């Protein structure tokens, strides 16, 4: 019973960990490309009648903006897990292949809810299985983001991500121990059968 209470507590802890910083998104990349593209178009649209000073001012402005935008890129936007789930359903994001790994996070949230329901009914085998799936989904999303060059620095993964992984590992270990204890426990019928066979021998 104590293991079940601990298991239920660890699963419930996930809902609090989800409020911690989870993932850092660099928001300046797209803005930088847009600034450079708009500047190039404006320079090309300059007629030969315009002075060289205007062209130089435009180029200097583009260089200044290019220096400012990476600062925004370095700062980025830090999302907690719930915000990452919401980000998945923002307009046009779900159809963008670059952001498709975000689909893993609503699945993780749904499975955590199932784990909590399973803890109420003492379904330790179900909890153990779902914890493994959640770990695979979380690590898989990071690998997916890495190959898409969305995550370039390990610092983009924040404390919430590591705590969720650690908590899932603890849930797996505890549910696995509880499952072993349950399998070792004999039912009254099995105990009576064992005693009768021992007396008969």
N, C-alpha and C. Protein backbone atom coordinates (compact mmCIF):
# COMPACT_ATOMS: atom_id res chain seq x y z
N UNK A 1 0.83 -1.21 0.00
CA UNK A 1 0.00 0.00 0.00
C UNK A 1 0.86 1.25 0.00
N UNK A 2 1.98 1.22 0.76
CA UNK A 2 2.87 2.37 0.81
C UNK A 2 3.47 2.69 -0.55
N UNK A 3 3.82 1.62 -1.29
CA UNK A 3 4.38 1.83 -2.63
C UNK A 3 3.36 2.47 -3.57
N UNK A 4 2.11 2.09 -3.43
CA UNK A 4 1.07 2.66 -4.26
C UNK A 4 0.90 4.15 -3.95
N UNK A 5 0.94 4.49 -2.67
CA UNK A 5 0.81 5.90 -2.27
C UNK A 5 2.00 6.71 -2.80
N UNK A 6 3.21 6.15 -2.69
CA UNK A 6 4.39 6.82 -3.23
C UNK A 6 4.29 6.98 -4.74
N UNK A 7 3.81 5.93 -5.39
CA UNK A 7 3.66 5.96 -6.84
C UNK A 7 2.66 7.03 -7.26
N UNK A 8 1.56 7.09 -6.55
CA UNK A 8 0.54 8.10 -6.85
C UNK A 8 1.09 9.51 -6.61
N UNK A 9 1.91 9.66 -5.58
CA UNK A 9 2.51 10.96 -5.30
C UNK A 9 3.49 11.39 -6.38
N UNK A 10 4.30 10.45 -6.87
CA UNK A 10 5.25 10.78 -7.95
C UNK A 10 4.52 11.17 -9.23
N UNK A 11 3.46 10.45 -9.54
CA UNK A 11 2.70 10.77 -10.75
C UNK A 11 2.05 12.14 -10.61
N UNK A 12 1.50 12.44 -9.43
CA UNK A 12 0.88 13.74 -9.20
C UNK A 12 1.93 14.86 -9.27
N UNK A 13 3.15 14.55 -8.88
CA UNK A 13 4.23 15.55 -8.91
C UNK A 13 4.50 16.04 -10.32
N UNK A 14 4.23 15.19 -11.32
CA UNK A 14 4.44 15.60 -12.71
C UNK A 14 3.65 16.86 -13.05
N UNK A 15 2.44 16.96 -12.55
CA UNK A 15 1.59 18.11 -12.89
C UNK A 15 2.16 19.41 -12.34
N UNK A 16 2.96 19.33 -11.27
CA UNK A 16 3.64 20.51 -10.74
C UNK A 16 4.93 20.80 -11.50
N UNK A 17 5.66 19.73 -11.84
CA UNK A 17 6.90 19.90 -12.60
C UNK A 17 6.62 20.52 -13.96
N UNK A 18 5.45 20.25 -14.51
CA UNK A 18 5.09 20.80 -15.83
C UNK A 18 5.07 22.34 -15.84
N UNK A 19 5.00 22.96 -14.66
CA UNK A 19 5.01 24.42 -14.59
C UNK A 19 6.43 25.00 -14.64
N UNK A 20 7.44 24.16 -14.46
CA UNK A 20 8.82 24.63 -14.47
C UNK A 20 9.30 24.88 -15.90
N UNK A 21 10.33 25.71 -16.07
CA UNK A 21 10.89 25.93 -17.42
C UNK A 21 11.26 24.61 -18.08
N UNK A 22 10.79 24.42 -19.30
CA UNK A 22 10.93 23.12 -19.96
C UNK A 22 11.82 23.19 -21.20
N UNK A 23 11.55 24.15 -22.07
CA UNK A 23 12.26 24.22 -23.35
C UNK A 23 12.43 25.67 -23.77
N UNK A 24 13.63 25.98 -24.25
CA UNK A 24 13.91 27.33 -24.74
C UNK A 24 13.81 27.35 -26.26
N UNK A 25 13.02 28.28 -26.77
CA UNK A 25 12.87 28.43 -28.22
C UNK A 25 13.55 29.70 -28.65
N UNK A 26 14.40 29.60 -29.65
CA UNK A 26 15.08 30.77 -30.18
C UNK A 26 14.16 31.44 -31.19
N UNK A 27 13.68 32.63 -30.86
CA UNK A 27 12.67 33.29 -31.69
C UNK A 27 13.25 34.26 -32.69
N UNK A 28 14.56 34.46 -32.67
CA UNK A 28 15.12 35.49 -33.54
C UNK A 28 15.53 35.01 -34.91
N UNK A 29 15.54 33.70 -35.14
CA UNK A 29 16.05 33.16 -36.40
C UNK A 29 15.19 33.60 -37.57
N UNK A 30 13.87 33.41 -37.45
CA UNK A 30 12.99 33.77 -38.54
C UNK A 30 12.97 35.27 -38.77
N UNK A 31 13.02 36.05 -37.67
CA UNK A 31 12.98 37.50 -37.81
C UNK A 31 14.23 38.01 -38.51
N UNK A 32 15.36 37.38 -38.22
CA UNK A 32 16.60 37.79 -38.86
C UNK A 32 16.53 37.58 -40.36
N UNK A 33 16.04 36.43 -40.80
CA UNK A 33 15.94 36.14 -42.23
C UNK A 33 14.97 37.09 -42.91
N UNK A 34 13.87 37.45 -42.22
CA UNK A 34 12.91 38.37 -42.79
C UNK A 34 13.51 39.76 -42.95
N UNK A 35 14.31 40.19 -41.96
CA UNK A 35 14.92 41.51 -42.04
C UNK A 35 15.89 41.59 -43.20
N UNK A 36 16.73 40.55 -43.34
CA UNK A 36 17.71 40.53 -44.43
C UNK A 36 17.01 40.52 -45.78
N UNK A 37 15.92 39.72 -45.90
CA UNK A 37 15.19 39.64 -47.17
C UNK A 37 14.55 40.97 -47.51
N UNK A 38 13.93 41.62 -46.54
CA UNK A 38 13.29 42.91 -46.80
C UNK A 38 14.32 43.97 -47.16
N UNK A 39 15.48 43.91 -46.54
CA UNK A 39 16.52 44.88 -46.85
C UNK A 39 17.04 44.69 -48.27
N UNK A 40 17.21 43.41 -48.66
CA UNK A 40 17.69 43.14 -50.01
C UNK A 40 16.71 43.63 -51.06
N UNK A 41 15.42 43.45 -50.80
CA UNK A 41 14.40 43.91 -51.75
C UNK A 41 14.41 45.43 -51.84
N UNK A 42 14.55 46.08 -50.71
CA UNK A 42 14.53 47.55 -50.71
C UNK A 42 15.74 48.11 -51.45
N UNK A 43 16.89 47.43 -51.33
CA UNK A 43 18.08 47.89 -52.05
C UNK A 43 17.91 47.70 -53.55
N UNK A 44 17.33 46.54 -53.94
CA UNK A 44 17.13 46.29 -55.36
C UNK A 44 16.12 47.24 -55.98
N UNK A 45 15.17 47.69 -55.20
CA UNK A 45 14.15 48.60 -55.70
C UNK A 45 14.62 50.04 -55.82
N UNK A 46 15.80 50.31 -55.28
CA UNK A 46 16.34 51.67 -55.43
C UNK A 46 16.69 51.93 -56.89
N UNK A 47 16.24 53.02 -57.39
CA UNK A 47 16.53 53.39 -58.78
C UNK A 47 17.91 54.03 -58.87
N UNK A 48 18.41 54.12 -60.09
CA UNK A 48 19.73 54.71 -60.31
C UNK A 48 19.74 56.19 -59.97
N UNK A 49 18.55 56.78 -59.93
CA UNK A 49 18.47 58.20 -59.64
C UNK A 49 18.68 58.50 -58.16
N UNK A 50 18.53 57.49 -57.30
CA UNK A 50 18.71 57.71 -55.87
C UNK A 50 20.20 57.86 -55.56
N UNK A 51 20.48 58.59 -54.53
CA UNK A 51 21.87 58.87 -54.20
C UNK A 51 22.53 57.67 -53.55
N UNK A 52 23.86 57.64 -53.61
CA UNK A 52 24.61 56.56 -52.99
C UNK A 52 24.48 56.59 -51.46
N UNK A 53 24.21 57.76 -50.92
CA UNK A 53 24.07 57.89 -49.47
C UNK A 53 22.88 57.10 -48.95
N UNK A 54 21.77 57.11 -49.71
CA UNK A 54 20.58 56.39 -49.30
C UNK A 54 20.83 54.89 -49.30
N UNK A 55 21.58 54.41 -50.30
CA UNK A 55 21.89 52.99 -50.38
C UNK A 55 22.78 52.57 -49.22
N UNK A 56 23.78 53.40 -48.91
CA UNK A 56 24.68 53.09 -47.81
C UNK A 56 23.94 53.09 -46.47
N UNK A 57 23.00 54.04 -46.32
CA UNK A 57 22.20 54.08 -45.09
C UNK A 57 21.38 52.81 -44.93
N UNK A 58 20.84 52.33 -46.07
CA UNK A 58 20.04 51.11 -46.02
C UNK A 58 20.88 49.91 -45.63
N UNK A 59 22.10 49.82 -46.18
CA UNK A 59 22.99 48.71 -45.85
C UNK A 59 23.43 48.77 -44.40
N UNK A 60 23.72 49.99 -43.92
CA UNK A 60 24.12 50.14 -42.53
C UNK A 60 22.99 49.75 -41.58
N UNK A 61 21.74 50.09 -41.98
CA UNK A 61 20.59 49.74 -41.17
C UNK A 61 20.42 48.23 -41.10
N UNK A 62 20.65 47.55 -42.25
CA UNK A 62 20.53 46.09 -42.26
C UNK A 62 21.57 45.45 -41.38
N UNK A 63 22.81 46.01 -41.38
CA UNK A 63 23.85 45.46 -40.53
C UNK A 63 23.52 45.65 -39.05
N UNK A 64 22.94 46.81 -38.73
CA UNK A 64 22.56 47.08 -37.35
C UNK A 64 21.48 46.12 -36.88
N UNK A 65 20.48 45.89 -37.74
CA UNK A 65 19.40 44.97 -37.39
C UNK A 65 19.91 43.55 -37.26
N UNK A 66 20.87 43.19 -38.13
CA UNK A 66 21.43 41.83 -38.07
C UNK A 66 22.19 41.61 -36.77
N UNK A 67 22.75 42.70 -36.22
CA UNK A 67 23.46 42.57 -34.95
C UNK A 67 22.49 42.51 -33.78
N UNK A 68 21.37 43.19 -33.90
CA UNK A 68 20.41 43.23 -32.81
C UNK A 68 19.60 41.96 -32.70
N UNK A 69 19.24 41.37 -33.86
CA UNK A 69 18.36 40.21 -33.86
C UNK A 69 18.99 38.99 -33.19
N UNK A 70 20.31 38.69 -33.41
CA UNK A 70 20.87 37.55 -32.69
C UNK A 70 20.80 37.68 -31.18
N UNK A 71 20.76 38.92 -30.65
CA UNK A 71 20.60 39.09 -29.21
C UNK A 71 19.25 38.53 -28.77
N UNK A 72 18.22 38.83 -29.57
CA UNK A 72 16.90 38.26 -29.30
C UNK A 72 16.95 36.75 -29.43
N UNK A 73 17.77 36.27 -30.41
CA UNK A 73 17.90 34.83 -30.62
C UNK A 73 18.54 34.17 -29.40
N UNK A 74 19.55 34.83 -28.83
CA UNK A 74 20.22 34.27 -27.66
C UNK A 74 19.29 34.26 -26.44
N UNK A 75 18.46 35.29 -26.33
CA UNK A 75 17.53 35.33 -25.21
C UNK A 75 16.44 34.27 -25.38
N UNK A 76 15.80 34.28 -26.55
CA UNK A 76 14.77 33.30 -26.85
C UNK A 76 13.56 33.41 -25.94
N UNK A 77 12.71 32.43 -26.03
CA UNK A 77 11.51 32.34 -25.21
C UNK A 77 11.51 30.98 -24.52
N UNK A 78 11.36 30.99 -23.21
CA UNK A 78 11.37 29.75 -22.43
C UNK A 78 9.93 29.35 -22.14
N UNK A 79 9.59 28.13 -22.52
CA UNK A 79 8.24 27.59 -22.31
C UNK A 79 8.27 26.55 -21.20
N UNK A 80 7.21 26.51 -20.41
CA UNK A 80 7.03 25.35 -19.55
C UNK A 80 6.32 24.26 -20.34
N UNK A 81 6.09 23.11 -19.71
CA UNK A 81 5.55 21.98 -20.46
C UNK A 81 4.13 22.26 -20.97
N UNK A 82 3.31 22.89 -20.14
CA UNK A 82 1.94 23.19 -20.56
C UNK A 82 1.93 24.14 -21.75
N UNK A 83 2.84 25.12 -21.75
CA UNK A 83 2.93 26.05 -22.87
C UNK A 83 3.43 25.35 -24.13
N UNK A 84 4.33 24.36 -23.95
CA UNK A 84 4.80 23.58 -25.10
C UNK A 84 3.66 22.76 -25.69
N UNK A 85 2.78 22.26 -24.83
CA UNK A 85 1.60 21.53 -25.32
C UNK A 85 0.69 22.47 -26.09
N UNK A 86 0.46 23.67 -25.54
CA UNK A 86 -0.40 24.65 -26.21
C UNK A 86 0.22 25.11 -27.52
N UNK A 87 1.56 25.25 -27.53
CA UNK A 87 2.25 25.69 -28.74
C UNK A 87 2.00 24.73 -29.89
N UNK A 88 1.81 23.47 -29.58
CA UNK A 88 1.57 22.46 -30.61
C UNK A 88 0.29 22.73 -31.39
N UNK A 89 -0.69 23.39 -30.75
CA UNK A 89 -1.98 23.62 -31.39
C UNK A 89 -2.14 25.05 -31.90
N UNK A 90 -1.06 25.83 -31.91
CA UNK A 90 -1.14 27.18 -32.45
C UNK A 90 -1.35 27.12 -33.96
N UNK A 91 -1.83 28.19 -34.51
CA UNK A 91 -2.17 28.25 -35.93
C UNK A 91 -0.97 27.92 -36.80
N UNK A 92 -1.16 27.00 -37.72
CA UNK A 92 -0.18 26.60 -38.73
C UNK A 92 1.02 25.85 -38.15
N UNK A 93 1.14 25.74 -36.82
CA UNK A 93 2.30 25.07 -36.27
C UNK A 93 2.21 23.56 -36.44
N UNK A 94 1.01 23.02 -36.31
CA UNK A 94 0.85 21.58 -36.37
C UNK A 94 1.13 21.04 -37.78
N UNK A 95 1.05 21.92 -38.80
CA UNK A 95 1.32 21.51 -40.17
C UNK A 95 2.77 21.77 -40.55
N UNK A 96 3.53 22.45 -39.71
CA UNK A 96 4.91 22.78 -40.00
C UNK A 96 5.81 21.64 -39.54
N UNK A 97 6.53 21.02 -40.47
CA UNK A 97 7.35 19.85 -40.14
C UNK A 97 8.43 20.20 -39.13
N UNK A 98 8.91 21.45 -39.15
CA UNK A 98 9.96 21.85 -38.22
C UNK A 98 9.49 21.77 -36.77
N UNK A 99 8.20 22.00 -36.56
CA UNK A 99 7.67 21.99 -35.20
C UNK A 99 6.88 20.70 -34.89
N UNK A 100 6.94 19.72 -35.78
CA UNK A 100 6.16 18.50 -35.60
C UNK A 100 6.55 17.70 -34.36
N UNK A 101 7.80 17.77 -33.84
CA UNK A 101 8.09 17.03 -32.60
C UNK A 101 7.24 17.48 -31.41
N UNK A 102 6.64 18.66 -31.49
CA UNK A 102 5.80 19.13 -30.40
C UNK A 102 4.58 18.23 -30.20
N UNK A 103 4.25 17.41 -31.19
CA UNK A 103 3.10 16.51 -31.06
C UNK A 103 3.34 15.49 -29.94
N UNK A 104 4.61 15.27 -29.58
CA UNK A 104 4.92 14.31 -28.51
C UNK A 104 4.41 14.79 -27.16
N UNK A 105 4.36 16.09 -26.95
CA UNK A 105 4.05 16.61 -25.62
C UNK A 105 2.59 16.46 -25.22
N UNK A 106 1.62 16.69 -26.12
CA UNK A 106 0.24 16.35 -25.73
C UNK A 106 0.07 14.87 -25.42
N UNK A 107 0.80 14.02 -26.13
CA UNK A 107 0.73 12.58 -25.85
C UNK A 107 1.27 12.26 -24.46
N UNK A 108 2.38 12.91 -24.09
CA UNK A 108 2.94 12.71 -22.76
C UNK A 108 1.94 13.14 -21.69
N UNK A 109 1.32 14.29 -21.87
CA UNK A 109 0.34 14.77 -20.90
C UNK A 109 -0.83 13.81 -20.78
N UNK A 110 -1.31 13.31 -21.91
CA UNK A 110 -2.43 12.36 -21.91
C UNK A 110 -2.04 11.07 -21.18
N UNK A 111 -0.82 10.59 -21.40
CA UNK A 111 -0.37 9.35 -20.76
C UNK A 111 -0.16 9.54 -19.26
N UNK A 112 0.27 10.73 -18.86
CA UNK A 112 0.42 11.00 -17.42
C UNK A 112 -0.94 10.96 -16.73
N UNK A 113 -1.96 11.50 -17.40
CA UNK A 113 -3.32 11.43 -16.85
C UNK A 113 -3.77 9.97 -16.73
N UNK A 114 -3.46 9.16 -17.74
CA UNK A 114 -3.79 7.74 -17.67
C UNK A 114 -3.03 7.04 -16.54
N UNK A 115 -1.78 7.45 -16.33
CA UNK A 115 -0.99 6.88 -15.25
C UNK A 115 -1.62 7.19 -13.89
N UNK A 116 -2.10 8.42 -13.74
CA UNK A 116 -2.73 8.80 -12.47
C UNK A 116 -4.01 7.98 -12.24
N UNK A 117 -4.79 7.81 -13.31
CA UNK A 117 -6.00 6.99 -13.19
C UNK A 117 -5.62 5.54 -12.86
N UNK A 118 -4.56 5.05 -13.50
CA UNK A 118 -4.09 3.69 -13.22
C UNK A 118 -3.62 3.52 -11.79
N UNK A 119 -3.03 4.59 -11.21
CA UNK A 119 -2.57 4.49 -9.82
C UNK A 119 -3.74 4.38 -8.85
N UNK A 120 -4.89 4.96 -9.23
CA UNK A 120 -6.07 4.86 -8.37
C UNK A 120 -6.57 3.41 -8.31
N UNK A 121 -6.45 2.71 -9.44
CA UNK A 121 -6.91 1.32 -9.52
C UNK A 121 -5.77 0.30 -9.38
N UNK A 122 -4.60 0.78 -8.89
CA UNK A 122 -3.45 -0.10 -8.63
C UNK A 122 -2.98 -0.87 -9.86
N UNK A 123 -3.02 -0.23 -11.01
CA UNK A 123 -2.56 -0.85 -12.26
C UNK A 123 -1.07 -0.56 -12.46
N UNK A 124 -0.24 -1.26 -11.69
CA UNK A 124 1.19 -0.97 -11.72
C UNK A 124 1.84 -1.36 -13.05
N UNK A 125 1.36 -2.43 -13.65
CA UNK A 125 1.91 -2.84 -14.95
C UNK A 125 1.63 -1.79 -16.01
N UNK A 126 0.42 -1.23 -15.99
CA UNK A 126 0.07 -0.17 -16.93
C UNK A 126 0.93 1.07 -16.70
N UNK A 127 1.13 1.42 -15.43
CA UNK A 127 1.95 2.59 -15.10
C UNK A 127 3.38 2.40 -15.56
N UNK A 128 3.92 1.21 -15.35
CA UNK A 128 5.28 0.92 -15.78
C UNK A 128 5.42 1.05 -17.29
N UNK A 129 4.47 0.53 -18.03
CA UNK A 129 4.51 0.60 -19.49
C UNK A 129 4.41 2.04 -19.98
N UNK A 130 3.49 2.80 -19.40
CA UNK A 130 3.29 4.19 -19.82
C UNK A 130 4.49 5.06 -19.47
N UNK A 131 5.16 4.76 -18.36
CA UNK A 131 6.35 5.54 -18.00
C UNK A 131 7.46 5.34 -19.03
N UNK A 132 7.60 4.11 -19.52
CA UNK A 132 8.60 3.84 -20.55
C UNK A 132 8.25 4.60 -21.84
N UNK A 133 6.98 4.56 -22.21
CA UNK A 133 6.55 5.27 -23.42
C UNK A 133 6.81 6.77 -23.29
N UNK A 134 6.55 7.34 -22.12
CA UNK A 134 6.78 8.76 -21.92
C UNK A 134 8.26 9.13 -22.03
N UNK A 135 9.12 8.29 -21.47
CA UNK A 135 10.56 8.54 -21.58
C UNK A 135 11.00 8.51 -23.04
N UNK A 136 10.49 7.53 -23.79
CA UNK A 136 10.82 7.42 -25.21
C UNK A 136 10.32 8.64 -25.98
N UNK A 137 9.11 9.10 -25.68
CA UNK A 137 8.55 10.27 -26.36
C UNK A 137 9.37 11.53 -26.08
N UNK A 138 9.75 11.73 -24.83
CA UNK A 138 10.50 12.92 -24.45
C UNK A 138 11.89 12.93 -25.08
N UNK A 139 12.60 11.81 -24.96
CA UNK A 139 13.94 11.73 -25.55
C UNK A 139 13.86 11.74 -27.07
N UNK A 140 12.83 11.10 -27.62
CA UNK A 140 12.67 11.09 -29.07
C UNK A 140 12.42 12.48 -29.64
N UNK A 141 11.66 13.30 -28.91
CA UNK A 141 11.39 14.66 -29.38
C UNK A 141 12.67 15.49 -29.42
N UNK A 142 13.56 15.27 -28.44
CA UNK A 142 14.84 15.99 -28.41
C UNK A 142 15.72 15.59 -29.59
N UNK A 143 15.79 14.29 -29.85
CA UNK A 143 16.58 13.80 -30.99
C UNK A 143 16.00 14.35 -32.29
N UNK A 144 14.68 14.35 -32.38
CA UNK A 144 13.99 14.87 -33.57
C UNK A 144 14.32 16.35 -33.77
N UNK A 145 14.24 17.13 -32.69
CA UNK A 145 14.58 18.55 -32.77
C UNK A 145 16.04 18.76 -33.15
N UNK A 146 16.91 17.88 -32.66
CA UNK A 146 18.33 18.01 -32.95
C UNK A 146 18.61 17.83 -34.44
N UNK A 147 17.99 16.81 -35.03
CA UNK A 147 18.21 16.58 -36.46
C UNK A 147 17.57 17.66 -37.32
N UNK A 148 16.55 18.32 -36.80
CA UNK A 148 15.95 19.45 -37.50
C UNK A 148 16.71 20.74 -37.23
N UNK A 149 17.79 20.64 -36.44
CA UNK A 149 18.63 21.78 -36.06
C UNK A 149 17.83 22.85 -35.31
N UNK A 150 16.79 22.40 -34.64
CA UNK A 150 16.01 23.31 -33.80
C UNK A 150 16.70 23.46 -32.44
N UNK A 151 17.24 22.37 -31.94
CA UNK A 151 18.03 22.40 -30.71
C UNK A 151 19.50 22.28 -31.09
N UNK A 152 20.24 23.35 -30.87
CA UNK A 152 21.66 23.37 -31.19
C UNK A 152 22.52 23.37 -29.94
N UNK A 153 21.90 23.70 -28.81
CA UNK A 153 22.64 23.80 -27.55
C UNK A 153 21.88 23.06 -26.47
N UNK A 154 22.61 22.30 -25.67
CA UNK A 154 21.98 21.52 -24.61
C UNK A 154 21.32 22.43 -23.58
N UNK A 155 21.75 23.69 -23.52
CA UNK A 155 21.17 24.63 -22.57
C UNK A 155 19.74 25.00 -22.92
N UNK A 156 19.30 24.66 -24.13
CA UNK A 156 17.91 24.92 -24.50
C UNK A 156 16.95 24.00 -23.75
N UNK A 157 17.46 22.88 -23.24
CA UNK A 157 16.66 22.00 -22.39
C UNK A 157 16.78 22.49 -20.96
N UNK A 158 15.66 22.85 -20.35
CA UNK A 158 15.69 23.46 -19.03
C UNK A 158 15.40 22.44 -17.94
N UNK A 159 15.41 22.92 -16.69
CA UNK A 159 15.32 22.06 -15.52
C UNK A 159 14.06 21.19 -15.53
N UNK A 160 12.96 21.73 -16.07
CA UNK A 160 11.72 20.96 -16.10
C UNK A 160 11.85 19.68 -16.91
N UNK A 161 12.58 19.74 -18.01
CA UNK A 161 12.76 18.55 -18.86
C UNK A 161 13.48 17.45 -18.09
N UNK A 162 14.57 17.81 -17.42
CA UNK A 162 15.35 16.81 -16.70
C UNK A 162 14.58 16.24 -15.51
N UNK A 163 13.81 17.08 -14.84
CA UNK A 163 13.03 16.60 -13.70
C UNK A 163 11.91 15.65 -14.14
N UNK A 164 11.32 15.93 -15.31
CA UNK A 164 10.28 15.02 -15.82
C UNK A 164 10.89 13.65 -16.14
N UNK A 165 12.05 13.66 -16.81
CA UNK A 165 12.73 12.41 -17.13
C UNK A 165 13.08 11.65 -15.84
N UNK A 166 13.65 12.36 -14.86
CA UNK A 166 14.02 11.73 -13.60
C UNK A 166 12.80 11.17 -12.89
N UNK A 167 11.72 11.92 -12.88
CA UNK A 167 10.51 11.46 -12.21
C UNK A 167 9.92 10.23 -12.91
N UNK A 168 9.98 10.21 -14.24
CA UNK A 168 9.49 9.05 -14.99
C UNK A 168 10.33 7.80 -14.69
N UNK A 169 11.64 8.00 -14.53
CA UNK A 169 12.51 6.87 -14.19
C UNK A 169 12.17 6.34 -12.80
N UNK A 170 11.93 7.25 -11.85
CA UNK A 170 11.56 6.84 -10.50
C UNK A 170 10.22 6.11 -10.51
N UNK A 171 9.28 6.61 -11.31
CA UNK A 171 7.98 5.94 -11.42
C UNK A 171 8.15 4.53 -11.98
N UNK A 172 9.00 4.40 -12.99
CA UNK A 172 9.24 3.08 -13.57
C UNK A 172 9.85 2.13 -12.55
N UNK A 173 10.86 2.59 -11.81
CA UNK A 173 11.53 1.75 -10.82
C UNK A 173 10.56 1.32 -9.73
N UNK A 174 9.78 2.28 -9.22
CA UNK A 174 8.85 1.98 -8.13
C UNK A 174 7.73 1.05 -8.60
N UNK A 175 7.21 1.31 -9.80
CA UNK A 175 6.14 0.44 -10.32
C UNK A 175 6.66 -0.95 -10.62
N UNK A 176 7.92 -1.03 -11.06
CA UNK A 176 8.52 -2.33 -11.33
C UNK A 176 8.71 -3.12 -10.04
N UNK A 177 9.15 -2.45 -8.98
CA UNK A 177 9.28 -3.11 -7.68
C UNK A 177 7.93 -3.58 -7.15
N UNK A 178 6.93 -2.72 -7.30
CA UNK A 178 5.60 -3.08 -6.83
C UNK A 178 5.03 -4.25 -7.61
N UNK A 179 5.33 -4.30 -8.90
CA UNK A 179 4.85 -5.40 -9.73
C UNK A 179 5.51 -6.72 -9.32
N UNK A 180 6.79 -6.65 -8.98
CA UNK A 180 7.49 -7.86 -8.53
C UNK A 180 6.94 -8.35 -7.20
N UNK A 181 6.66 -7.40 -6.30
CA UNK A 181 6.08 -7.79 -5.01
C UNK A 181 4.70 -8.42 -5.18
N UNK A 182 3.93 -7.89 -6.11
CA UNK A 182 2.60 -8.43 -6.36
C UNK A 182 2.67 -9.83 -6.93
N UNK A 183 3.64 -10.06 -7.81
CA UNK A 183 3.78 -11.39 -8.42
C UNK A 183 4.28 -12.42 -7.42
N UNK A 184 5.06 -11.96 -6.43
CA UNK A 184 5.58 -12.88 -5.42
C UNK A 184 4.54 -13.22 -4.36
N UNK A 185 3.55 -12.35 -4.22
CA UNK A 185 2.51 -12.55 -3.22
C UNK A 185 1.59 -13.70 -3.67
N UNK A 186 1.36 -14.67 -2.83
CA UNK A 186 0.51 -15.80 -3.19
C UNK A 186 -0.92 -15.54 -2.73
N UNK A 187 -1.85 -16.00 -3.55
CA UNK A 187 -3.26 -15.89 -3.17
C UNK A 187 -3.59 -16.94 -2.11
N UNK A 188 -4.70 -16.77 -1.36
CA UNK A 188 -5.08 -17.78 -0.35
C UNK A 188 -5.24 -19.17 -0.93
N UNK A 189 -5.79 -19.26 -2.14
CA UNK A 189 -5.97 -20.57 -2.77
C UNK A 189 -4.63 -21.21 -3.06
N UNK A 190 -3.67 -20.40 -3.53
CA UNK A 190 -2.35 -20.94 -3.83
C UNK A 190 -1.64 -21.37 -2.55
N UNK A 191 -1.81 -20.58 -1.46
CA UNK A 191 -1.18 -20.93 -0.18
C UNK A 191 -1.75 -22.23 0.36
N UNK A 192 -3.11 -22.40 0.29
CA UNK A 192 -3.74 -23.62 0.77
C UNK A 192 -3.29 -24.82 -0.06
N UNK A 193 -3.18 -24.63 -1.35
CA UNK A 193 -2.74 -25.72 -2.22
C UNK A 193 -1.31 -26.12 -1.89
N UNK A 194 -0.49 -25.09 -1.60
CA UNK A 194 0.90 -25.38 -1.28
C UNK A 194 1.01 -26.13 0.05
N UNK A 195 0.20 -25.74 1.06
CA UNK A 195 0.22 -26.43 2.36
C UNK A 195 -0.25 -27.87 2.25
N UNK A 196 -1.32 -28.08 1.46
CA UNK A 196 -1.86 -29.44 1.32
C UNK A 196 -0.88 -30.36 0.60
N UNK A 197 -0.21 -29.81 -0.37
CA UNK A 197 0.78 -30.62 -1.09
C UNK A 197 1.96 -30.95 -0.20
N UNK A 198 2.30 -30.01 0.71
CA UNK A 198 3.41 -30.25 1.63
C UNK A 198 3.05 -31.32 2.66
N UNK A 199 1.80 -31.27 3.20
CA UNK A 199 1.35 -32.27 4.16
C UNK A 199 1.23 -33.65 3.52
N UNK A 200 0.76 -33.66 2.28
CA UNK A 200 0.58 -34.93 1.58
C UNK A 200 1.88 -35.64 1.33
N UNK A 201 2.93 -34.86 1.13
CA UNK A 201 4.23 -35.47 0.90
C UNK A 201 4.83 -35.96 2.22
